[in-house]
Amino acid sequence: MFVRRKACCAISAAALCLAAATPARAQIYSWSDPNGNLVLSDRPQAGVSPVQTYAVPKTESVRSTRFATRERSRMYDDIISEHARQNGIRTDLVRAVVQVESGFNPSAKSPKGALGLMQLMPATIQRFGVTNPFNPGENIRAGARYLRQLLDRYQNNEQLALAAYNAGPDAVDRHGQSVPPYRETRNYVSQIGQIAQRPLELRNDRIYKITETIDGRSVTRYTNQRPAAGTYEVVGQR
């Protein structure tokens, strides 16, 4: 994979992270192209000089940034908006997940088996009845539904939901319902937070009114946790 930037510019954090397996230690190669752009790659380029290399010890993968143009992402705007709305998720958050997961490449595959725009794992593909994970509509439908489930699980804490999307909810729960201390997961959450249009929400600010029948009497209670079942209404925000 190659990444081009103007040599005087910093590499944007609003980008896709792609892993490329290497034998013992990872290597990053850099050079300037004929237009003066800085090129970064996980592979050397034959016949190009001078080339600088950067060893990344004690790791089997390299994460490089890749810019996703507005033109590239615009073709998925309607699908992202539709499924974000259906699942009660802000559109900019779903779009940021797609950008970081795949760079808006519907054919993306990861070494761990994740597929498509939102990098669905096989268990997620099966859970949400996806027949073709490389179909943008199916992929975003399932990815948005899964993200909604994670938001419900963590009371709309977007930071925890994203950490669980990357590392799995078991990892989040094992670490006391906090972002696991994995560099990949923390970078993932940070990148999405920078790409999204507003900061990640860390807690649920909705107040739910629940009416239950107890011993023949109607009892009303209020909570900041979205009920898993039954009738409720949102009555305010903190």
C-alpha atoms as a PDB file:
ATOM      1  CA  MET A   1       0.000   0.000   0.000  1.00  0.00           C
ATOM      2  CA  PHE A   2       1.291   3.477  -0.869  1.00  0.00           C
ATOM      3  CA  VAL A   3       0.412   6.764   0.784  1.00  0.00           C
ATOM      4  CA  ARG A   4       1.196  10.109  -0.835  1.00  0.00           C
ATOM      5  CA  ARG A   5       1.340  13.464   0.949  1.00  0.00           C
ATOM      6  CA  LYS A   6       3.024  16.790   0.279  1.00  0.00           C
ATOM      7  CA  ALA A   7       6.452  16.535   1.899  1.00  0.00           C
ATOM      8  CA  CYS A   8       5.845  19.607   4.031  1.00  0.00           C
ATOM      9  CA  CYS A   9       2.564  18.307   5.444  1.00  0.00           C
ATOM     10  CA  ALA A  10       1.950  16.106   8.433  1.00  0.00           C
ATOM     11  CA  ILE A  11       0.167  12.846   7.762  1.00  0.00           C
ATOM     12  CA  SER A  12      -3.474  13.325   8.691  1.00  0.00           C
ATOM     13  CA  ALA A  13      -4.964  11.331  11.530  1.00  0.00           C
ATOM     14  CA  ALA A  14      -8.258  11.375   9.661  1.00  0.00           C
ATOM     15  CA  ALA A  15      -7.370   8.266   7.774  1.00  0.00           C
ATOM     16  CA  LEU A  16      -7.646   4.560   7.340  1.00  0.00           C
ATOM     17  CA  CYS A  17      -5.388   2.183   9.253  1.00  0.00           C
ATOM     18  CA  LEU A  18      -4.475  -0.894   7.224  1.00  0.00           C
ATOM     19  CA  ALA A  19      -2.432  -3.745   8.682  1.00  0.00           C
ATOM     20  CA  ALA A  20       0.125  -5.617   6.586  1.00  0.00           C
ATOM     21  CA  ALA A  21       1.718  -8.714   8.092  1.00  0.00           C
ATOM     22  CA  THR A  22       5.533  -8.937   8.072  1.00  0.00           C
ATOM     23  CA  PRO A  23       7.904 -11.684   9.261  1.00  0.00           C
ATOM     24  CA  ALA A  24       9.764 -10.433  12.361  1.00  0.00           C
ATOM     25  CA  ARG A  25       9.719  -6.670  12.480  1.00  0.00           C
ATOM     26  CA  ALA A  26       7.765  -4.197  10.428  1.00  0.00           C
ATOM     27  CA  GLN A  27       9.424  -1.784   8.001  1.00  0.00           C
ATOM     28  CA  ILE A  28       8.167   1.541   6.707  1.00  0.00           C
ATOM     29  CA  TYR A  29       9.718   2.810   3.461  1.00  0.00           C
ATOM     30  CA  SER A  30       9.618   6.440   2.351  1.00  0.00           C
ATOM     31  CA  TRP A  31      10.719   8.433  -0.683  1.00  0.00           C
ATOM     32  CA  SER A  32       9.661  11.419  -2.772  1.00  0.00           C
ATOM     33  CA  ASP A  33       7.878  10.976  -6.080  1.00  0.00           C
ATOM     34  CA  PRO A  34       8.616  13.154  -9.182  1.00  0.00           C
ATOM     35  CA  ASN A  35       5.974  15.681  -8.045  1.00  0.00           C
ATOM     36  CA  GLY A  36       7.609  16.186  -4.669  1.00  0.00           C
ATOM     37  CA  ASN A  37       5.028  14.199  -2.733  1.00  0.00           C
ATOM     38  CA  LEU A  38       6.148  12.137   0.238  1.00  0.00           C
ATOM     39  CA  VAL A  39       5.340   8.442  -0.312  1.00  0.00           C
ATOM     40  CA  LEU A  40       5.041   5.961   2.558  1.00  0.00           C
ATOM     41  CA  SER A  41       4.701   2.236   1.979  1.00  0.00           C
ATOM     42  CA  ASP A  42       4.994  -1.097   3.726  1.00  0.00           C
ATOM     43  CA  ARG A  43       6.879  -2.346   0.629  1.00  0.00           C
ATOM     44  CA  PRO A  44      10.019  -1.041  -1.104  1.00  0.00           C
ATOM     45  CA  GLN A  45       9.770   0.374  -4.609  1.00  0.00           C
ATOM     46  CA  ALA A  46      12.293  -0.962  -7.123  1.00  0.00           C
ATOM     47  CA  GLY A  47      14.443   1.650  -8.835  1.00  0.00           C
ATOM     48  CA  VAL A  48      13.482   4.492  -6.498  1.00  0.00           C
ATOM     49  CA  SER A  49      16.129   6.402  -4.564  1.00  0.00           C
ATOM     50  CA  PRO A  50      16.969   7.774  -2.129  1.00  0.00           C
ATOM     51  CA  VAL A  51      14.852   5.611   0.168  1.00  0.00           C
ATOM     52  CA  GLN A  52      14.614   5.903   3.946  1.00  0.00           C
ATOM     53  CA  THR A  53      13.454   2.985   6.041  1.00  0.00           C
ATOM     54  CA  TYR A  54      12.074   2.933   9.560  1.00  0.00           C
ATOM     55  CA  ALA A  55      12.110  -0.261  11.577  1.00  0.00           C
ATOM     56  CA  VAL A  56       9.187  -0.904  13.908  1.00  0.00           C
ATOM     57  CA  PRO A  57      10.499  -3.480  16.402  1.00  0.00           C
ATOM     58  CA  LYS A  58       8.424  -6.014  18.282  1.00  0.00           C
ATOM     59  CA  THR A  59       5.502  -5.825  15.924  1.00  0.00           C
ATOM     60  CA  GLU A  60       4.199  -7.918  13.053  1.00  0.00           C
ATOM     61  CA  SER A  61       2.251  -5.194  11.314  1.00  0.00           C
ATOM     62  CA  VAL A  62       2.536  -1.635  10.092  1.00  0.00           C
ATOM     63  CA  ARG A  63      -0.275   0.890  10.225  1.00  0.00           C
ATOM     64  CA  SER A  64      -0.150   3.540   7.534  1.00  0.00           C
ATOM     65  CA  THR A  65      -2.510   6.391   6.846  1.00  0.00           C
ATOM     66  CA  ARG A  66      -4.497   6.790   3.652  1.00  0.00           C
ATOM     67  CA  PHE A  67      -6.558   9.808   2.774  1.00  0.00           C
ATOM     68  CA  ALA A  68     -10.132   9.189   1.687  1.00  0.00           C
ATOM     69  CA  THR A  69     -11.244  11.827  -0.797  1.00  0.00           C
ATOM     70  CA  ARG A  70     -14.691  13.390  -0.523  1.00  0.00           C
ATOM     71  CA  GLU A  71     -15.479  12.091  -4.007  1.00  0.00           C
ATOM     72  CA  ARG A  72     -14.673   8.545  -2.906  1.00  0.00           C
ATOM     73  CA  SER A  73     -16.932   8.727   0.132  1.00  0.00           C
ATOM     74  CA  ARG A  74     -19.818  10.666  -1.444  1.00  0.00           C
ATOM     75  CA  MET A  75     -21.171   7.623  -3.295  1.00  0.00           C
ATOM     76  CA  TYR A  76     -22.017   6.016   0.060  1.00  0.00           C
ATOM     77  CA  ASP A  77     -23.625   9.082   1.678  1.00  0.00           C
ATOM     78  CA  ASP A  78     -27.210   7.947   1.104  1.00  0.00           C
ATOM     79  CA  ILE A  79     -26.627   4.428   2.430  1.00  0.00           C
ATOM     80  CA  ILE A  80     -24.782   5.712   5.499  1.00  0.00           C
ATOM     81  CA  SER A  81     -27.474   8.313   6.232  1.00  0.00           C
ATOM     82  CA  GLU A  82     -30.281   5.773   5.824  1.00  0.00           C
ATOM     83  CA  HIS A  83     -28.884   3.174   8.195  1.00  0.00           C
ATOM     84  CA  ALA A  84     -27.595   5.735  10.684  1.00  0.00           C
ATOM     85  CA  ARG A  85     -31.116   7.194  10.882  1.00  0.00           C
ATOM     86  CA  GLN A  86     -32.783   3.795  11.179  1.00  0.00           C
ATOM     87  CA  ASN A  87     -30.527   2.888  14.102  1.00  0.00           C
ATOM     88  CA  GLY A  88     -30.549   6.232  15.864  1.00  0.00           C
ATOM     89  CA  ILE A  89     -26.829   6.892  15.335  1.00  0.00           C
ATOM     90  CA  ARG A  90     -25.387  10.175  14.156  1.00  0.00           C
ATOM     91  CA  THR A  91     -24.389   9.999  10.521  1.00  0.00           C
ATOM     92  CA  ASP A  92     -20.921  11.472  11.002  1.00  0.00           C
ATOM     93  CA  LEU A  93     -20.047   8.685  13.455  1.00  0.00           C
ATOM     94  CA  VAL A  94     -20.989   5.907  11.020  1.00  0.00           C
ATOM     95  CA  ARG A  95     -19.117   7.677   8.221  1.00  0.00           C
ATOM     96  CA  ALA A  96     -16.005   7.973  10.434  1.00  0.00           C
ATOM     97  CA  VAL A  97     -16.157   4.253  11.222  1.00  0.00           C
ATOM     98  CA  VAL A  98     -16.331   3.420   7.504  1.00  0.00           C
ATOM     99  CA  GLN A  99     -13.368   5.697   6.771  1.00  0.00           C
ATOM    100  CA  VAL A 100     -11.141   4.242   9.479  1.00  0.00           C
ATOM    101  CA  GLU A 101     -12.213   0.659   8.844  1.00  0.00           C
ATOM    102  CA  SER A 102     -11.853   0.545   5.053  1.00  0.00           C
ATOM    103  CA  GLY A 103     -11.144   3.962   3.563  1.00  0.00           C
ATOM    104  CA  PHE A 104     -14.452   3.534   1.693  1.00  0.00           C
ATOM    105  CA  ASN A 105     -13.132   0.460  -0.115  1.00  0.00           C
ATOM    106  CA  PRO A 106     -16.056  -2.007  -0.398  1.00  0.00           C
ATOM    107  CA  SER A 107     -13.645  -4.849  -1.286  1.00  0.00           C
ATOM    108  CA  ALA A 108     -11.409  -4.371   1.755  1.00  0.00           C
ATOM    109  CA  LYS A 109     -10.169  -7.501   3.540  1.00  0.00           C
ATOM    110  CA  SER A 110      -8.154  -7.664   6.736  1.00  0.00           C
ATOM    111  CA  PRO A 111      -5.674 -10.368   7.789  1.00  0.00           C
ATOM    112  CA  LYS A 112      -8.066 -11.207  10.629  1.00  0.00           C
ATOM    113  CA  GLY A 113     -10.949 -11.957   8.250  1.00  0.00           C
ATOM    114  CA  ALA A 114     -12.903  -8.699   8.455  1.00  0.00           C
ATOM    115  CA  LEU A 115     -14.649  -7.783   5.203  1.00  0.00           C
ATOM    116  CA  GLY A 116     -16.101  -4.811   3.378  1.00  0.00           C
ATOM    117  CA  LEU A 117     -16.751  -1.178   4.168  1.00  0.00           C
ATOM    118  CA  MET A 118     -17.329  -1.634   7.918  1.00  0.00           C
ATOM    119  CA  GLN A 119     -14.983  -4.612   8.178  1.00  0.00           C
ATOM    120  CA  LEU A 120     -17.531  -7.155   9.372  1.00  0.00           C
ATOM    121  CA  MET A 121     -16.188 -10.236  11.111  1.00  0.00           C
ATOM    122  CA  PRO A 122     -17.677 -13.646  10.158  1.00  0.00           C
ATOM    123  CA  ALA A 123     -19.741 -13.854  13.374  1.00  0.00           C
ATOM    124  CA  THR A 124     -21.279 -10.419  12.684  1.00  0.00           C
ATOM    125  CA  ILE A 125     -21.981 -11.368   9.076  1.00  0.00           C
ATOM    126  CA  GLN A 126     -23.840 -14.464  10.251  1.00  0.00           C
ATOM    127  CA  ARG A 127     -25.678 -12.693  13.083  1.00  0.00           C
ATOM    128  CA  PHE A 128     -27.202 -10.066  10.816  1.00  0.00           C
ATOM    129  CA  GLY A 129     -27.926 -12.306   7.845  1.00  0.00           C
ATOM    130  CA  VAL A 130     -25.478 -10.739   5.421  1.00  0.00           C
ATOM    131  CA  THR A 131     -25.301 -12.723   2.191  1.00  0.00           C
ATOM    132  CA  ASN A 132     -22.677 -10.566   0.468  1.00  0.00           C
ATOM    133  CA  PRO A 133     -20.387  -8.592   2.810  1.00  0.00           C
ATOM    134  CA  PHE A 134     -18.899  -6.743  -0.163  1.00  0.00           C
ATOM    135  CA  ASN A 135     -22.290  -5.253  -1.035  1.00  0.00           C
ATOM    136  CA  PRO A 136     -22.200  -1.711   0.425  1.00  0.00           C
ATOM    137  CA  GLY A 137     -25.875  -1.690   1.428  1.00  0.00           C
ATOM    138  CA  GLU A 138     -25.728  -5.025   3.247  1.00  0.00           C
ATOM    139  CA  ASN A 139     -22.415  -4.245   4.877  1.00  0.00           C
ATOM    140  CA  ILE A 140     -23.399  -0.840   6.244  1.00  0.00           C
ATOM    141  CA  ARG A 141     -26.811  -2.170   7.345  1.00  0.00           C
ATOM    142  CA  ALA A 142     -25.162  -4.858   9.464  1.00  0.00           C
ATOM    143  CA  GLY A 143     -22.353  -2.621  10.703  1.00  0.00           C
ATOM    144  CA  ALA A 144     -24.762   0.099  11.821  1.00  0.00           C
ATOM    145  CA  ARG A 145     -27.025  -2.427  13.570  1.00  0.00           C
ATOM    146  CA  TYR A 146     -24.067  -3.927  15.388  1.00  0.00           C
ATOM    147  CA  LEU A 147     -22.851  -0.483  16.431  1.00  0.00           C
ATOM    148  CA  ARG A 148     -26.373   0.288  17.707  1.00  0.00           C
ATOM    149  CA  GLN A 149     -26.296  -2.871  19.836  1.00  0.00           C
ATOM    150  CA  LEU A 150     -22.979  -1.824  21.307  1.00  0.00           C
ATOM    151  CA  LEU A 151     -24.276   1.685  22.033  1.00  0.00           C
ATOM    152  CA  ASP A 152     -27.246   0.143  23.848  1.00  0.00           C
ATOM    153  CA  ARG A 153     -24.934  -2.163  25.791  1.00  0.00           C
ATOM    154  CA  TYR A 154     -22.822   0.765  26.992  1.00  0.00           C
ATOM    155  CA  GLN A 155     -25.636   3.282  27.558  1.00  0.00           C
ATOM    156  CA  ASN A 156     -24.759   5.356  24.487  1.00  0.00           C
ATOM    157  CA  ASN A 157     -21.124   5.771  25.533  1.00  0.00           C
ATOM    158  CA  GLU A 158     -19.720   6.161  22.033  1.00  0.00           C
ATOM    159  CA  GLN A 159     -16.129   5.709  23.177  1.00  0.00           C
ATOM    160  CA  LEU A 160     -16.846   2.310  24.725  1.00  0.00           C
ATOM    161  CA  ALA A 161     -19.041   1.215  21.809  1.00  0.00           C
ATOM    162  CA  LEU A 162     -16.246   1.981  19.356  1.00  0.00           C
ATOM    163  CA  ALA A 163     -13.685   0.199  21.525  1.00  0.00           C
ATOM    164  CA  ALA A 164     -15.971  -2.845  21.552  1.00  0.00           C
ATOM    165  CA  TYR A 165     -16.444  -2.604  17.770  1.00  0.00           C
ATOM    166  CA  ASN A 166     -12.667  -2.847  17.399  1.00  0.00           C
ATOM    167  CA  ALA A 167     -11.599  -5.193  20.204  1.00  0.00           C
ATOM    168  CA  GLY A 168     -14.882  -6.917  21.074  1.00  0.00           C
ATOM    169  CA  PRO A 169     -17.235  -6.297  24.019  1.00  0.00           C
ATOM    170  CA  ASP A 170     -15.579  -9.022  26.099  1.00  0.00           C
ATOM    171  CA  ALA A 171     -12.325  -7.053  26.049  1.00  0.00           C
ATOM    172  CA  VAL A 172     -14.116  -3.871  27.144  1.00  0.00           C
ATOM    173  CA  ASP A 173     -15.881  -5.705  29.971  1.00  0.00           C
ATOM    174  CA  ARG A 174     -12.696  -7.479  31.123  1.00  0.00           C
ATOM    175  CA  HIS A 175     -11.114  -4.060  31.634  1.00  0.00           C
ATOM    176  CA  GLY A 176     -13.899  -2.707  33.825  1.00  0.00           C
ATOM    177  CA  GLN A 177     -15.971  -1.285  30.964  1.00  0.00           C
ATOM    178  CA  SER A 178     -13.176   0.991  29.827  1.00  0.00           C
ATOM    179  CA  VAL A 179     -11.186   1.267  26.604  1.00  0.00           C
ATOM    180  CA  PRO A 180      -8.788  -1.709  26.671  1.00  0.00           C
ATOM    181  CA  PRO A 181      -5.074  -0.826  26.953  1.00  0.00           C
ATOM    182  CA  TYR A 182      -4.374  -2.013  23.409  1.00  0.00           C
ATOM    183  CA  ARG A 183      -2.506   0.439  21.198  1.00  0.00           C
ATOM    184  CA  GLU A 184      -4.595  -0.504  18.170  1.00  0.00           C
ATOM    185  CA  THR A 185      -7.899   0.011  19.984  1.00  0.00           C
ATOM    186  CA  ARG A 186      -6.889   3.302  21.564  1.00  0.00           C
ATOM    187  CA  ASN A 187      -5.618   4.619  18.231  1.00  0.00           C
ATOM    188  CA  TYR A 188      -8.837   3.442  16.585  1.00  0.00           C
ATOM    189  CA  VAL A 189     -11.067   5.301  19.046  1.00  0.00           C
ATOM    190  CA  SER A 190      -8.861   8.395  18.845  1.00  0.00           C
ATOM    191  CA  GLN A 191      -8.911   8.481  15.043  1.00  0.00           C
ATOM    192  CA  ILE A 192     -12.676   8.206  14.834  1.00  0.00           C
ATOM    193  CA  GLY A 193     -12.997  10.935  17.455  1.00  0.00           C
ATOM    194  CA  GLN A 194     -10.873  13.238  15.306  1.00  0.00           C
ATOM    195  CA  ILE A 195     -12.731  12.457  12.087  1.00  0.00           C
ATOM    196  CA  ALA A 196     -16.274  12.749  13.507  1.00  0.00           C
ATOM    197  CA  GLN A 197     -17.857  16.189  13.402  1.00  0.00           C
ATOM    198  CA  ARG A 198     -18.165  16.504  17.169  1.00  0.00           C
ATOM    199  CA  PRO A 199     -16.471  14.883  20.190  1.00  0.00           C
ATOM    200  CA  LEU A 200     -17.436  11.360  21.190  1.00  0.00           C
ATOM    201  CA  GLU A 201     -20.159  11.140  23.819  1.00  0.00           C
ATOM    202  CA  LEU A 202     -18.879   9.408  26.947  1.00  0.00           C
ATOM    203  CA  ARG A 203     -22.211   8.867  28.696  1.00  0.00           C
ATOM    204  CA  ASN A 204     -25.896   8.707  28.042  1.00  0.00           C
ATOM    205  CA  ASP A 205     -27.593  12.077  28.520  1.00  0.00           C
ATOM    206  CA  ARG A 206     -31.144  10.894  27.810  1.00  0.00           C
ATOM    207  CA  ILE A 207     -33.753  10.418  30.511  1.00  0.00           C
ATOM    208  CA  TYR A 208     -36.245   7.585  29.942  1.00  0.00           C
ATOM    209  CA  LYS A 209     -39.686   7.427  31.532  1.00  0.00           C
ATOM    210  CA  ILE A 210     -40.899   3.892  32.180  1.00  0.00           C
ATOM    211  CA  THR A 211     -44.388   2.981  33.357  1.00  0.00           C
ATOM    212  CA  GLU A 212     -44.854  -0.464  34.902  1.00  0.00           C
ATOM    213  CA  THR A 213     -47.797  -2.243  36.478  1.00  0.00           C
ATOM    214  CA  ILE A 214     -46.952  -3.563  39.936  1.00  0.00           C
ATOM    215  CA  ASP A 215     -49.612  -5.187  42.137  1.00  0.00           C
ATOM    216  CA  GLY A 216     -52.289  -3.695  39.920  1.00  0.00           C
ATOM    217  CA  ARG A 217     -50.887  -0.159  40.222  1.00  0.00           C
ATOM    218  CA  SER A 218     -49.130   1.928  37.598  1.00  0.00           C
ATOM    219  CA  VAL A 219     -45.660   2.854  38.784  1.00  0.00           C
ATOM    220  CA  THR A 220     -43.548   5.412  36.926  1.00  0.00           C
ATOM    221  CA  ARG A 221     -39.780   5.532  37.200  1.00  0.00           C
ATOM    222  CA  TYR A 222     -37.006   7.382  35.416  1.00  0.00           C
ATOM    223  CA  THR A 223     -33.615   6.111  34.287  1.00  0.00           C
ATOM    224  CA  ASN A 224     -30.703   7.085  32.086  1.00  0.00           C
ATOM    225  CA  GLN A 225     -30.420   3.528  30.765  1.00  0.00           C
ATOM    226  CA  ARG A 226     -32.405   2.648  27.675  1.00  0.00           C
ATOM    227  CA  PRO A 227     -34.811  -0.204  28.541  1.00  0.00           C
ATOM    228  CA  ALA A 228     -34.158  -3.453  26.708  1.00  0.00           C
ATOM    229  CA  ALA A 229     -37.909  -4.120  26.338  1.00  0.00           C
ATOM    230  CA  GLY A 230     -41.299  -2.681  27.191  1.00  0.00           C
ATOM    231  CA  THR A 231     -42.858   0.732  26.666  1.00  0.00           C
ATOM    232  CA  TYR A 232     -40.925   3.887  27.458  1.00  0.00           C
ATOM    233  CA  GLU A 233     -40.526   7.470  26.327  1.00  0.00           C
ATOM    234  CA  VAL A 234     -37.652   9.949  26.274  1.00  0.00           C
ATOM    235  CA  VAL A 235     -38.687  12.881  28.459  1.00  0.00           C
ATOM    236  CA  GLY A 236     -35.558  14.996  28.613  1.00  0.00           C
ATOM    237  CA  GLN A 237     -31.830  15.300  28.704  1.00  0.00           C
ATOM    238  CA  ARG A 238     -29.377  16.024  31.456  1.00  0.00           C
END
